[in-house]
C-alpha atoms as a PDB file:
ATOM      1  CA  MET A   1       4.233  19.755   7.548  1.00  0.00           C
ATOM      2  CA  THR A   2       5.421  16.994   5.239  1.00  0.00           C
ATOM      3  CA  SER A   3       3.458  13.788   5.769  1.00  0.00           C
ATOM      4  CA  PHE A   4       5.019  11.509   3.142  1.00  0.00           C
ATOM      5  CA  GLN A   5       8.084  11.732   0.920  1.00  0.00           C
ATOM      6  CA  TYR A   6      10.496   9.829  -1.297  1.00  0.00           C
ATOM      7  CA  ASP A   7      14.250   9.976  -1.010  1.00  0.00           C
ATOM      8  CA  GLU A   8      15.604  11.317  -4.276  1.00  0.00           C
ATOM      9  CA  ARG A   9      17.874   8.298  -4.762  1.00  0.00           C
ATOM     10  CA  VAL A  10      14.824   6.034  -4.961  1.00  0.00           C
ATOM     11  CA  LEU A  11      13.264   8.224  -7.640  1.00  0.00           C
ATOM     12  CA  VAL A  12      16.499   8.292  -9.643  1.00  0.00           C
ATOM     13  CA  ASP A  13      16.632   4.490  -9.642  1.00  0.00           C
ATOM     14  CA  PHE A  14      12.870   4.058 -10.266  1.00  0.00           C
ATOM     15  CA  PRO A  15      11.922   6.913 -12.619  1.00  0.00           C
ATOM     16  CA  ASP A  16       8.574   5.370 -13.622  1.00  0.00           C
ATOM     17  CA  LEU A  17       7.266   5.470 -10.043  1.00  0.00           C
ATOM     18  CA  VAL A  18       3.951   7.270  -9.573  1.00  0.00           C
ATOM     19  CA  ALA A  19       2.190   7.376  -6.209  1.00  0.00           C
ATOM     20  CA  GLY A  20      -1.100   8.605  -4.883  1.00  0.00           C
ATOM     21  CA  VAL A  21      -1.129   9.746  -1.257  1.00  0.00           C
ATOM     22  CA  ILE A  22      -4.091  10.568   0.971  1.00  0.00           C
ATOM     23  CA  LYS A  23      -3.934  12.083   4.440  1.00  0.00           C
ATOM     24  CA  ALA A  24      -7.233  11.437   6.195  1.00  0.00           C
ATOM     25  CA  GLY A  25      -8.577  12.384   9.611  1.00  0.00           C
ATOM     26  CA  GLY A  26     -11.767  11.928  11.586  1.00  0.00           C
ATOM     27  CA  LEU A  27     -12.117   8.363  10.319  1.00  0.00           C
ATOM     28  CA  SER A  28     -14.369   5.693  11.785  1.00  0.00           C
ATOM     29  CA  ASN A  29     -12.875   2.242  11.342  1.00  0.00           C
ATOM     30  CA  ARG A  30     -15.725  -0.029  12.357  1.00  0.00           C
ATOM     31  CA  PRO A  31     -16.219  -3.598  11.164  1.00  0.00           C
ATOM     32  CA  SER A  32     -17.330  -3.285   7.552  1.00  0.00           C
ATOM     33  CA  SER A  33     -21.017  -2.621   7.013  1.00  0.00           C
ATOM     34  CA  ALA A  34     -23.158  -5.064   5.047  1.00  0.00           C
ATOM     35  CA  ALA A  35     -23.106  -2.654   2.097  1.00  0.00           C
ATOM     36  CA  LEU A  36     -19.301  -2.439   2.098  1.00  0.00           C
ATOM     37  CA  ARG A  37     -18.918  -6.200   2.435  1.00  0.00           C
ATOM     38  CA  ASP A  38     -21.297  -6.713  -0.488  1.00  0.00           C
ATOM     39  CA  ALA A  39     -19.303  -4.273  -2.615  1.00  0.00           C
ATOM     40  CA  TYR A  40     -16.027  -5.865  -1.508  1.00  0.00           C
ATOM     41  CA  PHE A  41     -17.026  -9.402  -2.447  1.00  0.00           C
ATOM     42  CA  ALA A  42     -18.622  -8.226  -5.691  1.00  0.00           C
ATOM     43  CA  GLU A  43     -15.298  -6.601  -6.594  1.00  0.00           C
ATOM     44  CA  GLN A  44     -13.494  -9.836  -5.829  1.00  0.00           C
ATOM     45  CA  ALA A  45     -15.796 -11.764  -8.166  1.00  0.00           C
ATOM     46  CA  ALA A  46     -15.327  -9.171 -10.920  1.00  0.00           C
ATOM     47  CA  VAL A  47     -11.537  -9.257 -10.574  1.00  0.00           C
ATOM     48  CA  LYS A  48     -11.429 -13.049 -10.693  1.00  0.00           C
ATOM     49  CA  ALA A  49     -13.547 -13.041 -13.854  1.00  0.00           C
ATOM     50  CA  ARG A  50     -11.357 -10.370 -15.459  1.00  0.00           C
ATOM     51  CA  ILE A  51      -8.096 -12.191 -14.702  1.00  0.00           C
ATOM     52  CA  GLY A  52      -9.436 -15.578 -15.746  1.00  0.00           C
ATOM     53  CA  GLY A  53      -6.530 -17.864 -16.554  1.00  0.00           C
ATOM     54  CA  THR A  54      -3.969 -15.092 -17.047  1.00  0.00           C
ATOM     55  CA  PRO A  55      -0.850 -15.704 -14.931  1.00  0.00           C
ATOM     56  CA  LEU A  56      -0.436 -12.979 -12.333  1.00  0.00           C
ATOM     57  CA  SER A  57       3.165 -12.575 -13.459  1.00  0.00           C
ATOM     58  CA  ALA A  58       1.853 -11.404 -16.851  1.00  0.00           C
ATOM     59  CA  LEU A  59      -0.181  -8.490 -15.457  1.00  0.00           C
ATOM     60  CA  PRO A  60       1.724  -5.265 -16.314  1.00  0.00           C
ATOM     61  CA  SER A  61       1.325  -3.690 -12.874  1.00  0.00           C
ATOM     62  CA  LEU A  62       2.578  -6.792 -11.049  1.00  0.00           C
ATOM     63  CA  LYS A  63       5.325  -7.439 -13.591  1.00  0.00           C
ATOM     64  CA  ALA A  64       6.651  -3.935 -12.950  1.00  0.00           C
ATOM     65  CA  TRP A  65       6.736  -4.523  -9.189  1.00  0.00           C
ATOM     66  CA  ARG A  66       8.593  -7.785  -9.732  1.00  0.00           C
ATOM     67  CA  ARG A  67      11.226  -5.865 -11.714  1.00  0.00           C
ATOM     68  CA  ALA A  68      11.466  -3.278  -8.946  1.00  0.00           C
ATOM     69  CA  PHE A  69      11.965  -5.904  -6.247  1.00  0.00           C
ATOM     70  CA  SER A  70      14.691  -7.586  -8.295  1.00  0.00           C
ATOM     71  CA  ALA A  71      16.387  -4.224  -8.844  1.00  0.00           C
ATOM     72  CA  PHE A  72      17.012  -3.720  -5.110  1.00  0.00           C
ATOM     73  CA  GLY A  73      18.081  -7.318  -4.546  1.00  0.00           C
ATOM     74  CA  VAL A  74      14.884  -9.000  -3.349  1.00  0.00           C
ATOM     75  CA  SER A  75      13.471 -12.159  -4.927  1.00  0.00           C
ATOM     76  CA  PRO A  76      10.016 -11.213  -6.275  1.00  0.00           C
ATOM     77  CA  THR A  77       8.759 -14.782  -5.941  1.00  0.00           C
ATOM     78  CA  LYS A  78       9.951 -15.205  -2.357  1.00  0.00           C
ATOM     79  CA  TYR A  79       8.707 -11.750  -1.336  1.00  0.00           C
ATOM     80  CA  ARG A  80       5.655 -10.691  -3.346  1.00  0.00           C
ATOM     81  CA  SER A  81       4.296  -7.176  -3.518  1.00  0.00           C
ATOM     82  CA  ALA A  82       1.203  -6.643  -1.390  1.00  0.00           C
ATOM     83  CA  ALA A  83      -0.973  -6.426  -4.503  1.00  0.00           C
ATOM     84  CA  GLU A  84       0.333  -9.687  -5.916  1.00  0.00           C
ATOM     85  CA  ALA A  85      -0.083 -11.414  -2.540  1.00  0.00           C
ATOM     86  CA  LEU A  86      -3.739 -10.322  -2.411  1.00  0.00           C
ATOM     87  CA  LEU A  87      -4.456 -11.411  -5.966  1.00  0.00           C
ATOM     88  CA  ARG A  88      -2.654 -14.694  -5.392  1.00  0.00           C
ATOM     89  CA  ARG A  89      -4.883 -15.407  -2.398  1.00  0.00           C
ATOM     90  CA  LEU A  90      -7.975 -14.396  -4.358  1.00  0.00           C
ATOM     91  CA  THR A  91      -7.226 -16.573  -7.382  1.00  0.00           C
ATOM     92  CA  LYS A  92      -6.025 -19.586  -5.397  1.00  0.00           C
ATOM     93  CA  LYS A  93      -8.339 -19.560  -2.353  1.00  0.00           C
ATOM     94  CA  GLY A  94     -11.395 -17.896  -3.856  1.00  0.00           C
ATOM     95  CA  ASP A  95     -11.814 -14.867  -1.616  1.00  0.00           C
ATOM     96  CA  ILE A  96     -10.148 -12.351   0.699  1.00  0.00           C
ATOM     97  CA  PRO A  97     -11.792 -12.114   4.130  1.00  0.00           C
ATOM     98  CA  SER A  98     -13.307  -8.905   5.438  1.00  0.00           C
ATOM     99  CA  ILE A  99     -11.133  -7.329   8.173  1.00  0.00           C
ATOM    100  CA  ASN A 100     -12.431  -3.845   8.885  1.00  0.00           C
ATOM    101  CA  THR A 101     -13.613  -0.794   6.973  1.00  0.00           C
ATOM    102  CA  LEU A 102     -10.227   0.719   6.129  1.00  0.00           C
ATOM    103  CA  VAL A 103      -8.506  -2.555   5.290  1.00  0.00           C
ATOM    104  CA  ASP A 104     -11.413  -3.687   3.107  1.00  0.00           C
ATOM    105  CA  ILE A 105     -11.435  -0.370   1.237  1.00  0.00           C
ATOM    106  CA  GLY A 106      -7.697  -0.581   0.665  1.00  0.00           C
ATOM    107  CA  ASN A 107      -7.873  -4.188  -0.487  1.00  0.00           C
ATOM    108  CA  MET A 108     -10.782  -3.455  -2.809  1.00  0.00           C
ATOM    109  CA  VAL A 109      -8.885  -0.732  -4.643  1.00  0.00           C
ATOM    110  CA  SER A 110      -5.678  -2.770  -4.602  1.00  0.00           C
ATOM    111  CA  ILE A 111      -7.197  -5.745  -6.425  1.00  0.00           C
ATOM    112  CA  ARG A 112      -9.162  -3.475  -8.772  1.00  0.00           C
ATOM    113  CA  TYR A 113      -5.984  -1.874 -10.098  1.00  0.00           C
ATOM    114  CA  GLY A 114      -3.425  -4.565  -9.285  1.00  0.00           C
ATOM    115  CA  LEU A 115      -1.462  -2.037  -7.221  1.00  0.00           C
ATOM    116  CA  PRO A 116      -0.295  -2.028  -3.591  1.00  0.00           C
ATOM    117  CA  VAL A 117      -2.329   0.096  -1.183  1.00  0.00           C
ATOM    118  CA  ALA A 118      -0.935   0.794   2.290  1.00  0.00           C
ATOM    119  CA  ILE A 119      -2.927   2.332   5.143  1.00  0.00           C
ATOM    120  CA  PHE A 120      -0.726   3.695   7.923  1.00  0.00           C
ATOM    121  CA  ASP A 121      -2.264   4.561  11.286  1.00  0.00           C
ATOM    122  CA  VAL A 122      -0.269   7.640  12.249  1.00  0.00           C
ATOM    123  CA  SER A 123      -1.175   7.707  15.935  1.00  0.00           C
ATOM    124  CA  ALA A 124       1.873   5.670  16.980  1.00  0.00           C
ATOM    125  CA  ILE A 125       4.402   6.956  14.456  1.00  0.00           C
ATOM    126  CA  ALA A 126       6.201  10.253  13.912  1.00  0.00           C
ATOM    127  CA  LEU A 127       5.552  11.829  10.529  1.00  0.00           C
ATOM    128  CA  PRO A 128       6.830  12.207   7.914  1.00  0.00           C
ATOM    129  CA  ILE A 129       6.998   8.734   6.414  1.00  0.00           C
ATOM    130  CA  THR A 130      10.018   8.510   4.117  1.00  0.00           C
ATOM    131  CA  VAL A 131      10.650   5.903   1.418  1.00  0.00           C
ATOM    132  CA  HIS A 132      14.394   5.238   1.169  1.00  0.00           C
ATOM    133  CA  TYR A 133      17.132   2.639   1.053  1.00  0.00           C
ATOM    134  CA  ALA A 134      17.729   1.059   4.466  1.00  0.00           C
ATOM    135  CA  ASP A 135      21.164   1.248   6.049  1.00  0.00           C
ATOM    136  CA  GLY A 136      20.379  -1.673   8.365  1.00  0.00           C
ATOM    137  CA  SER A 137      20.135   0.348  11.577  1.00  0.00           C
ATOM    138  CA  GLU A 138      16.362   0.825  11.396  1.00  0.00           C
ATOM    139  CA  LEU A 139      13.973  -1.133  13.653  1.00  0.00           C
ATOM    140  CA  TYR A 140      10.949  -3.176  12.583  1.00  0.00           C
ATOM    141  CA  SER A 141       8.283  -5.372  14.191  1.00  0.00           C
ATOM    142  CA  GLU A 142       6.020  -7.636  12.128  1.00  0.00           C
ATOM    143  CA  LEU A 143       2.252  -7.790  12.415  1.00  0.00           C
ATOM    144  CA  SER A 144       2.367 -11.351  13.715  1.00  0.00           C
ATOM    145  CA  SER A 145       5.254 -10.925  16.151  1.00  0.00           C
ATOM    146  CA  SER A 146       6.500  -8.598  18.874  1.00  0.00           C
ATOM    147  CA  ALA A 147      10.122  -9.393  18.047  1.00  0.00           C
ATOM    148  CA  ILE A 148      12.235  -6.420  16.968  1.00  0.00           C
ATOM    149  CA  MET A 149      14.168  -6.918  13.730  1.00  0.00           C
ATOM    150  CA  ARG A 150      16.272  -4.850  11.371  1.00  0.00           C
ATOM    151  CA  PRO A 151      15.875  -4.577   7.601  1.00  0.00           C
ATOM    152  CA  GLU A 152      18.697  -5.591   5.307  1.00  0.00           C
ATOM    153  CA  ALA A 153      20.920  -2.774   4.147  1.00  0.00           C
ATOM    154  CA  GLY A 154      19.924  -1.725   0.643  1.00  0.00           C
ATOM    155  CA  GLU A 155      16.290  -2.789   0.715  1.00  0.00           C
ATOM    156  CA  VAL A 156      13.667  -0.121   0.143  1.00  0.00           C
ATOM    157  CA  VAL A 157      11.768   0.683   3.335  1.00  0.00           C
ATOM    158  CA  PHE A 158       9.223   3.168   4.670  1.00  0.00           C
ATOM    159  CA  THR A 159      10.321   4.714   7.973  1.00  0.00           C
ATOM    160  CA  ASP A 160       8.965   7.381  10.272  1.00  0.00           C
ATOM    161  CA  GLN A 161      10.990  10.284  11.633  1.00  0.00           C
ATOM    162  CA  GLN A 162      12.386   8.094  14.441  1.00  0.00           C
ATOM    163  CA  LYS A 163      13.705   5.495  11.950  1.00  0.00           C
ATOM    164  CA  MET A 164      11.013   2.997  12.872  1.00  0.00           C
ATOM    165  CA  VAL A 165      10.205   0.908   9.803  1.00  0.00           C
ATOM    166  CA  VAL A 166       6.512   0.989   8.891  1.00  0.00           C
ATOM    167  CA  ALA A 167       6.871  -1.114   5.711  1.00  0.00           C
ATOM    168  CA  ARG A 168       9.624  -3.486   4.571  1.00  0.00           C
ATOM    169  CA  ARG A 169      10.766  -4.485   1.099  1.00  0.00           C
ATOM    170  CA  TRP A 170       8.890  -1.487  -0.263  1.00  0.00           C
ATOM    171  CA  CYS A 171       5.339  -2.827  -0.492  1.00  0.00           C
ATOM    172  CA  TRP A 172       5.803  -6.318   0.898  1.00  0.00           C
ATOM    173  CA  ARG A 173       4.598  -5.981   4.497  1.00  0.00           C
ATOM    174  CA  GLN A 174       3.643  -3.289   7.019  1.00  0.00           C
ATOM    175  CA  SER A 175       4.726  -3.082  10.640  1.00  0.00           C
ATOM    176  CA  ALA A 176       2.621  -3.924  13.674  1.00  0.00           C
ATOM    177  CA  THR A 177       2.686  -0.326  14.904  1.00  0.00           C
ATOM    178  CA  SER A 178       1.371   1.199  11.676  1.00  0.00           C
ATOM    179  CA  ALA A 179      -1.434  -1.201  10.744  1.00  0.00           C
ATOM    180  CA  ALA A 180      -5.014   0.085  10.678  1.00  0.00           C
ATOM    181  CA  ASN A 181      -6.963  -1.074  13.730  1.00  0.00           C
ATOM    182  CA  ALA A 182     -10.307  -0.450  15.416  1.00  0.00           C
ATOM    183  CA  ASP A 183      -9.055   2.835  16.910  1.00  0.00           C
ATOM    184  CA  THR A 184      -7.575   4.265  13.718  1.00  0.00           C
ATOM    185  CA  ALA A 185      -8.913   7.790  13.219  1.00  0.00           C
ATOM    186  CA  GLU A 186      -6.065   9.381  11.255  1.00  0.00           C
ATOM    187  CA  ALA A 187      -4.137   7.711   8.464  1.00  0.00           C
ATOM    188  CA  VAL A 188      -1.756   8.200   5.583  1.00  0.00           C
ATOM    189  CA  ILE A 189      -2.810   6.036   2.631  1.00  0.00           C
ATOM    190  CA  THR A 190      -0.612   5.284  -0.371  1.00  0.00           C
ATOM    191  CA  ILE A 191      -1.102   3.560  -3.713  1.00  0.00           C
ATOM    192  CA  GLU A 192       1.952   3.117  -5.927  1.00  0.00           C
ATOM    193  CA  ALA A 193       2.628   2.083  -9.513  1.00  0.00           C
ATOM    194  CA  GLN A 194       5.822   1.197 -11.348  1.00  0.00           C
ATOM    195  CA  HIS A 195       4.487   0.352 -14.818  1.00  0.00           C
ATOM    196  CA  LYS A 196       4.784   2.814 -17.683  1.00  0.00           C
ATOM    197  CA  ASN A 197       1.962   5.275 -18.279  1.00  0.00           C
ATOM    198  CA  SER A 198       0.506   4.523 -14.856  1.00  0.00           C
ATOM    199  CA  ALA A 199      -0.459   8.095 -13.935  1.00  0.00           C
ATOM    200  CA  GLY A 200      -4.046   7.521 -15.091  1.00  0.00           C
ATOM    201  CA  ASP A 201      -4.380   4.416 -12.926  1.00  0.00           C
ATOM    202  CA  ILE A 202      -3.116   6.313  -9.885  1.00  0.00           C
ATOM    203  CA  GLU A 203      -5.446   9.248 -10.466  1.00  0.00           C
ATOM    204  CA  ASN A 204      -8.449   6.943 -10.872  1.00  0.00           C
ATOM    205  CA  ALA A 205      -7.455   4.902  -7.820  1.00  0.00           C
ATOM    206  CA  LEU A 206      -7.228   8.079  -5.729  1.00  0.00           C
ATOM    207  CA  ILE A 207     -10.743   9.028  -6.828  1.00  0.00           C
ATOM    208  CA  ASP A 208     -12.022   5.564  -5.898  1.00  0.00           C
ATOM    209  CA  LEU A 209     -10.278   5.598  -2.519  1.00  0.00           C
ATOM    210  CA  GLY A 210     -11.633   9.055  -1.723  1.00  0.00           C
ATOM    211  CA  ALA A 211     -15.190   8.086  -2.628  1.00  0.00           C
ATOM    212  CA  LEU A 212     -15.072   4.867  -0.603  1.00  0.00           C
ATOM    213  CA  LEU A 213     -13.595   6.626   2.422  1.00  0.00           C
ATOM    214  CA  ALA A 214     -16.268   9.329   2.249  1.00  0.00           C
ATOM    215  CA  GLU A 215     -19.067   6.778   2.021  1.00  0.00           C
ATOM    216  CA  TYR A 216     -17.942   4.243   4.595  1.00  0.00           C
ATOM    217  CA  ALA A 217     -15.332   5.819   6.908  1.00  0.00           C
ATOM    218  CA  GLY A 218     -16.288   9.486   6.982  1.00  0.00           C
ATOM    219  CA  GLY A 219     -13.832  12.169   8.009  1.00  0.00           C
ATOM    220  CA  GLU A 220     -11.895  14.599   5.847  1.00  0.00           C
ATOM    221  CA  ARG A 221      -9.049  14.005   3.440  1.00  0.00           C
ATOM    222  CA  GLU A 222      -6.564  15.650   1.131  1.00  0.00           C
ATOM    223  CA  SER A 223      -4.542  13.970  -1.582  1.00  0.00           C
ATOM    224  CA  ALA A 224      -1.706  14.389  -4.045  1.00  0.00           C
ATOM    225  CA  VAL A 225       0.061  12.545  -6.855  1.00  0.00           C
ATOM    226  CA  LEU A 226       3.821  12.142  -6.411  1.00  0.00           C
ATOM    227  CA  ASN A 227       6.482  11.331  -8.985  1.00  0.00           C
ATOM    228  CA  ALA A 228      10.096  12.155  -9.826  1.00  0.00           C
ATOM    229  CA  ASP A 229       9.214  15.842 -10.205  1.00  0.00           C
ATOM    230  CA  ASN A 230       7.144  16.092  -7.023  1.00  0.00           C
ATOM    231  CA  CYS A 231       8.431  13.862  -4.243  1.00  0.00           C
ATOM    232  CA  ARG A 232       6.765  15.286  -1.101  1.00  0.00           C
ATOM    233  CA  PHE A 233       3.248  15.610   0.272  1.00  0.00           C
END
């Protein structure tokens, strides 16, 4: 069964897209252990030191996502990619709080590579997740609200089989129904890149994600790299 896929029109318009996808089961999403928190905050310190005074807009991975957002009609400074939002918080506020095991693992790899990582709890959604252009009829609820909204026609969204949106404006924000929580035991995890020659970053990020999941969340997992020539997992 297909778990995750890209609509071909998205890949035609964004030919440099490379994505790593993990399907994991048997996970334990406890509050992060002391060892994971130590590793998480050490990574934050290392990333801050590496970025130094470099503007986030100058980082190749983030610059590419800004171009992608602009290409489908979204202001990249009003709506920042998830990776840029994390790094902006880190560089301006000093740290990113610990949430839980899966979220901390995802955030750690996201700031390490400057790429958006999404962790979708699949218990309340109908696979496959499809990345496509919205027609405006899809339904969405934000993490901080129970209100039901609709995406704008033409924006890139992730939806499940029932047309419920699980992420808006590509990698801007997940839905309330798909977010990793204390009961998450099965998940689809994605990390995406738009910059040129990004395949190596995606492959390394998948290795890091797999190792962190094995060490701190347990369970079993399988993974794949997707691109214009291989759009389904």
